[in-house]
Structures are given as structure tokens and as C-alpha cells.
C-alpha atoms as a PDB file:
ATOM      1  CA  MET A   1     -25.995   8.316  -5.759  1.00  0.00           C
ATOM      2  CA  THR A   2     -26.021   6.986  -1.510  1.00  0.00           C
ATOM      3  CA  THR A   3     -24.075   9.565   0.782  1.00  0.00           C
ATOM      4  CA  ASP A   4     -21.085   6.673   1.252  1.00  0.00           C
ATOM      5  CA  LEU A   5     -19.523   6.579  -2.220  1.00  0.00           C
ATOM      6  CA  LEU A   6     -20.200  10.286  -2.607  1.00  0.00           C
ATOM      7  CA  SER A   7     -17.284  10.681   0.503  1.00  0.00           C
ATOM      8  CA  LEU A   8     -15.711   7.600  -1.418  1.00  0.00           C
ATOM      9  CA  GLN A   9     -15.410   9.280  -4.418  1.00  0.00           C
ATOM     10  CA  LYS A  10     -14.015  12.546  -2.503  1.00  0.00           C
ATOM     11  CA  THR A  11     -12.188  10.879  -1.085  1.00  0.00           C
ATOM     12  CA  ILE A  12     -10.541   9.260  -3.380  1.00  0.00           C
ATOM     13  CA  ASN A  13      -9.808  12.561  -6.232  1.00  0.00           C
ATOM     14  CA  ALA A  14      -8.547  14.172  -2.970  1.00  0.00           C
ATOM     15  CA  ALA A  15      -5.225  11.187  -3.452  1.00  0.00           C
ATOM     16  CA  SER A  16      -5.322  11.240  -6.734  1.00  0.00           C
ATOM     17  CA  LYS A  17      -5.007  14.879  -6.557  1.00  0.00           C
ATOM     18  CA  ARG A  18      -1.996  14.809  -3.797  1.00  0.00           C
ATOM     19  CA  ILE A  19      -0.295  11.811  -5.824  1.00  0.00           C
ATOM     20  CA  GLU A  20      -0.505  14.057  -8.494  1.00  0.00           C
ATOM     21  CA  GLU A  21       1.198  17.466  -6.779  1.00  0.00           C
ATOM     22  CA  ALA A  22       3.542  15.125  -4.959  1.00  0.00           C
ATOM     23  CA  TYR A  23       4.787  13.491  -8.744  1.00  0.00           C
ATOM     24  CA  HIS A  24       4.819  17.487 -10.251  1.00  0.00           C
ATOM     25  CA  ARG A  25       6.181  19.035  -6.933  1.00  0.00           C
ATOM     26  CA  ALA A  26       8.955  15.672  -7.935  1.00  0.00           C
ATOM     27  CA  ALA A  27       9.415  16.692 -11.462  1.00  0.00           C
ATOM     28  CA  ARG A  28      10.159  20.177 -10.602  1.00  0.00           C
ATOM     29  CA  ALA A  29      12.328  19.662  -8.307  1.00  0.00           C
ATOM     30  CA  ALA A  30      14.248  17.485 -10.605  1.00  0.00           C
ATOM     31  CA  GLY A  31      14.333  20.366 -13.079  1.00  0.00           C
ATOM     32  CA  LEU A  32      12.553  18.396 -15.293  1.00  0.00           C
ATOM     33  CA  SER A  33       8.689  19.046 -17.227  1.00  0.00           C
ATOM     34  CA  ASP A  34       5.784  16.393 -15.699  1.00  0.00           C
ATOM     35  CA  SER A  35       5.886  14.744 -19.392  1.00  0.00           C
ATOM     36  CA  ALA A  36      10.288  14.610 -19.912  1.00  0.00           C
ATOM     37  CA  PHE A  37       9.801  12.956 -15.723  1.00  0.00           C
ATOM     38  CA  ASP A  38       7.081  10.326 -16.932  1.00  0.00           C
ATOM     39  CA  ILE A  39       9.411   9.611 -19.597  1.00  0.00           C
ATOM     40  CA  LEU A  40      12.660   8.708 -18.444  1.00  0.00           C
ATOM     41  CA  TYR A  41      10.764   6.940 -15.413  1.00  0.00           C
ATOM     42  CA  ALA A  42       8.933   5.005 -18.077  1.00  0.00           C
ATOM     43  CA  LEU A  43      12.880   4.543 -19.924  1.00  0.00           C
ATOM     44  CA  HIS A  44      13.917   2.605 -16.469  1.00  0.00           C
ATOM     45  CA  VAL A  45      10.632   1.116 -16.291  1.00  0.00           C
ATOM     46  CA  ALA A  46      11.166  -0.688 -20.148  1.00  0.00           C
ATOM     47  CA  GLY A  47      14.845  -1.133 -19.195  1.00  0.00           C
ATOM     48  CA  GLU A  48      17.433  -0.868 -22.779  1.00  0.00           C
ATOM     49  CA  GLY A  49      15.401   1.887 -24.726  1.00  0.00           C
ATOM     50  CA  CYS A  50      11.739   1.321 -26.160  1.00  0.00           C
ATOM     51  CA  SER A  51       9.822   2.975 -29.261  1.00  0.00           C
ATOM     52  CA  GLN A  52       7.878   6.078 -28.876  1.00  0.00           C
ATOM     53  CA  ARG A  53       4.787   3.854 -29.421  1.00  0.00           C
ATOM     54  CA  GLN A  54       5.813   2.781 -26.323  1.00  0.00           C
ATOM     55  CA  LEU A  55       6.549   5.945 -24.261  1.00  0.00           C
ATOM     56  CA  CYS A  56       2.450   6.847 -25.533  1.00  0.00           C
ATOM     57  CA  GLU A  57       1.204   3.057 -23.213  1.00  0.00           C
ATOM     58  CA  LEU A  58       3.962   3.970 -20.805  1.00  0.00           C
ATOM     59  CA  CYS A  59       3.382   7.145 -20.410  1.00  0.00           C
ATOM     60  CA  PHE A  60      -0.226   7.094 -20.493  1.00  0.00           C
ATOM     61  CA  THR A  61      -0.213  10.043 -22.622  1.00  0.00           C
ATOM     62  CA  ARG A  62      -0.865  11.606 -26.712  1.00  0.00           C
ATOM     63  CA  LYS A  63       1.878  10.896 -28.919  1.00  0.00           C
ATOM     64  CA  GLN A  64       2.632  15.048 -29.501  1.00  0.00           C
ATOM     65  CA  THR A  65       3.668  15.037 -25.906  1.00  0.00           C
ATOM     66  CA  VAL A  66       5.730  12.475 -26.571  1.00  0.00           C
ATOM     67  CA  ASN A  67       7.885  14.049 -29.769  1.00  0.00           C
ATOM     68  CA  SER A  68       8.007  17.670 -27.502  1.00  0.00           C
ATOM     69  CA  ALA A  69       9.656  16.152 -25.021  1.00  0.00           C
ATOM     70  CA  ILE A  70      11.421  13.579 -27.070  1.00  0.00           C
ATOM     71  CA  LYS A  71      13.309  17.044 -28.725  1.00  0.00           C
ATOM     72  CA  ARG A  72      13.973  18.640 -25.746  1.00  0.00           C
ATOM     73  CA  LEU A  73      15.447  15.852 -23.554  1.00  0.00           C
ATOM     74  CA  GLN A  74      18.226  14.764 -26.846  1.00  0.00           C
ATOM     75  CA  GLN A  75      18.869  18.941 -26.891  1.00  0.00           C
ATOM     76  CA  ASN A  76      20.125  18.642 -23.811  1.00  0.00           C
ATOM     77  CA  GLY A  77      22.006  14.972 -24.110  1.00  0.00           C
ATOM     78  CA  THR A  78      19.496  13.368 -21.707  1.00  0.00           C
ATOM     79  CA  VAL A  79      18.517  10.598 -24.469  1.00  0.00           C
ATOM     80  CA  ARG A  80      19.024   9.200 -27.497  1.00  0.00           C
ATOM     81  CA  VAL A  81      16.883   8.760 -31.055  1.00  0.00           C
ATOM     82  CA  GLU A  82      17.431   6.331 -33.570  1.00  0.00           C
ATOM     83  CA  ALA A  83      15.951   5.015 -36.028  1.00  0.00           C
ATOM     84  CA  GLY A  84      13.417   1.209 -35.230  1.00  0.00           C
ATOM     85  CA  PRO A  85      12.121  -1.167 -38.524  1.00  0.00           C
ATOM     86  CA  GLY A  86      10.008   0.227 -40.783  1.00  0.00           C
ATOM     87  CA  ARG A  87       9.089   4.549 -39.771  1.00  0.00           C
ATOM     88  CA  ALA A  88      10.388   3.391 -35.931  1.00  0.00           C
ATOM     89  CA  THR A  89      11.837   5.458 -33.738  1.00  0.00           C
ATOM     90  CA  HIS A  90      13.424   3.810 -30.376  1.00  0.00           C
ATOM     91  CA  ILE A  91      14.749   6.143 -27.456  1.00  0.00           C
ATOM     92  CA  PHE A  92      17.384   5.448 -24.935  1.00  0.00           C
ATOM     93  CA  LEU A  93      19.140   6.897 -22.080  1.00  0.00           C
ATOM     94  CA  THR A  94      22.411   8.114 -22.469  1.00  0.00           C
ATOM     95  CA  ALA A  95      25.115   8.188 -20.052  1.00  0.00           C
ATOM     96  CA  GLN A  96      23.885  11.412 -18.992  1.00  0.00           C
ATOM     97  CA  GLY A  97      19.822  10.528 -18.649  1.00  0.00           C
ATOM     98  CA  ARG A  98      21.118   7.009 -16.296  1.00  0.00           C
ATOM     99  CA  LYS A  99      22.865   9.349 -14.996  1.00  0.00           C
ATOM    100  CA  LEU A 100      19.868  11.967 -14.158  1.00  0.00           C
ATOM    101  CA  VAL A 101      17.058   8.999 -13.285  1.00  0.00           C
ATOM    102  CA  ASN A 102      19.681   8.169 -10.145  1.00  0.00           C
ATOM    103  CA  ASN A 103      19.600  10.334  -8.846  1.00  0.00           C
ATOM    104  CA  ARG A 104      16.413  11.958  -9.111  1.00  0.00           C
ATOM    105  CA  VAL A 105      14.159   9.177 -10.537  1.00  0.00           C
ATOM    106  CA  ILE A 106      15.179   5.780  -8.535  1.00  0.00           C
ATOM    107  CA  PRO A 107      14.360   7.965  -5.658  1.00  0.00           C
ATOM    108  CA  ILE A 108      11.535   8.205  -6.639  1.00  0.00           C
ATOM    109  CA  ILE A 109      10.839   4.314  -6.764  1.00  0.00           C
ATOM    110  CA  ASP A 110      12.876   4.390  -3.297  1.00  0.00           C
ATOM    111  CA  ALA A 111       9.531   6.646  -2.301  1.00  0.00           C
ATOM    112  CA  GLU A 112       6.744   4.851  -4.174  1.00  0.00           C
ATOM    113  CA  THR A 113       7.985   1.248  -2.603  1.00  0.00           C
ATOM    114  CA  THR A 114       8.761   2.933   1.023  1.00  0.00           C
ATOM    115  CA  ALA A 115       4.477   4.372   0.668  1.00  0.00           C
ATOM    116  CA  LEU A 116       3.419   0.610  -0.145  1.00  0.00           C
ATOM    117  CA  ASN A 117       5.557  -0.940   3.072  1.00  0.00           C
ATOM    118  CA  SER A 118       4.017   1.042   4.971  1.00  0.00           C
ATOM    119  CA  LEU A 119       0.231  -0.710   3.940  1.00  0.00           C
ATOM    120  CA  SER A 120      -0.048  -4.147   5.165  1.00  0.00           C
ATOM    121  CA  PRO A 121      -0.324  -7.515   3.604  1.00  0.00           C
ATOM    122  CA  GLN A 122      -3.600  -7.436   2.779  1.00  0.00           C
ATOM    123  CA  GLN A 123      -3.557  -4.174   2.799  1.00  0.00           C
ATOM    124  CA  ARG A 124      -1.227  -4.340   0.024  1.00  0.00           C
ATOM    125  CA  THR A 125      -3.446  -7.056  -1.949  1.00  0.00           C
ATOM    126  CA  ALA A 126      -6.714  -4.954  -1.484  1.00  0.00           C
ATOM    127  CA  LEU A 127      -4.902  -2.367  -3.215  1.00  0.00           C
ATOM    128  CA  SER A 128      -3.731  -4.105  -6.421  1.00  0.00           C
ATOM    129  CA  ALA A 129      -7.274  -5.732  -6.092  1.00  0.00           C
ATOM    130  CA  GLY A 130      -9.358  -2.244  -6.408  1.00  0.00           C
ATOM    131  CA  LEU A 131      -6.862  -0.043  -8.060  1.00  0.00           C
ATOM    132  CA  PRO A 132      -7.152  -1.241 -11.310  1.00  0.00           C
ATOM    133  CA  ARG A 133     -10.952  -3.090 -11.321  1.00  0.00           C
ATOM    134  CA  TYR A 134     -12.017   0.791 -10.126  1.00  0.00           C
ATOM    135  CA  ALA A 135      -9.834   2.837 -13.196  1.00  0.00           C
ATOM    136  CA  ASP A 136     -11.677   0.136 -15.825  1.00  0.00           C
ATOM    137  CA  ALA A 137     -14.493   0.802 -14.015  1.00  0.00           C
ATOM    138  CA  LEU A 138     -13.626   4.986 -14.036  1.00  0.00           C
ATOM    139  CA  VAL A 139     -12.703   4.861 -17.922  1.00  0.00           C
ATOM    140  CA  LYS A 140     -14.977   2.784 -18.846  1.00  0.00           C
ATOM    141  CA  ALA A 141     -18.150   5.573 -17.876  1.00  0.00           C
ATOM    142  CA  LEU A 142     -15.283   7.481 -18.766  1.00  0.00           C
ATOM    143  CA  ASP A 143     -15.648   7.106 -22.046  1.00  0.00           C
ATOM    144  CA  ALA A 144     -19.475   6.062 -22.209  1.00  0.00           C
ATOM    145  CA  THR A 145     -19.777   9.743 -21.382  1.00  0.00           C
ATOM    146  CA  GLY A 146     -18.265  11.233 -24.828  1.00  0.00           C
ATOM    147  CA  GLY A 147     -14.789  11.581 -22.654  1.00  0.00           C
ATOM    148  CA  ARG A 148     -13.089   9.063 -25.643  1.00  0.00           C
ATOM    149  CA  ARG A 149     -12.700  10.390 -29.354  1.00  0.00           C
END
């Protein structure tokens, strides 16, 4: 591997970790676990409720983790769970959940938008083209090492 690629990899990894840590701090400041924060964010983005399976896909999180977080959010009155078709369940924000999203999640979305706005249009275009392609290639390479089960 060339020195340029190693340097780029180091830069990407450092940026990813900084971003991950910033989201973790934001979740903690909201009084939420990382998974609960991700679920509230996903419910907001998804609109009026979604299935537990959709939440797993939107949050890139395992079913067990999502299920545990939903139970805690349900217990504290943030979400309600309704039966869907078949064995599916649908999760909805309660009034308390919508208030929490308005106070804690929407400011994060605003911060994301502000950060993107700090990039030039050319940088945003390059990021939107390059990042998903890099993620796909990395997932494929990691899965090839036996990381996928």
C-alpha cells in the first residue's frame, strides 16, 4: 500500500472517529443511549412511524439492540408500539417523543446541515459521490475478510 493511501486511510479513520464521538456526546447530552438517539433520529426522518425492521435498516443496528432500546423508550413514554401486519410492529413517537426530537434531534440535524453548508458546492458533490462509493467498497472488502455472518 502506498504512503498516500495509508495517509488518506488515517485521515478518514480519524475523521470517522471524531464524528462518532461527537454523536455519542450529543446522545449523552440528550440523556439517551446511542441506539435510542439513532432510533429517535430515524423515526423523525422516516415520518409517521415505521416498523422495527425498518429501524434496524435505518440505524444499521441489530434487531436485539433496537428491540432493547425501543422497550426503554416505550417505558419512559417516548414511543408507542402498535401491532402491524403479521408479526410486524410499528413504532411511533408519542407527544413526549416529538418534544424530545424537537429539542434534541432537530438541533443535531441543523448542525449537520450547517457543517455541510461550510463546504463548497464542489466539495459537497465530491463528498456525496465519493463517500457512498468508499463505504460500499470498504463493506465489500471487510465482508470478504469474514466479517459478515
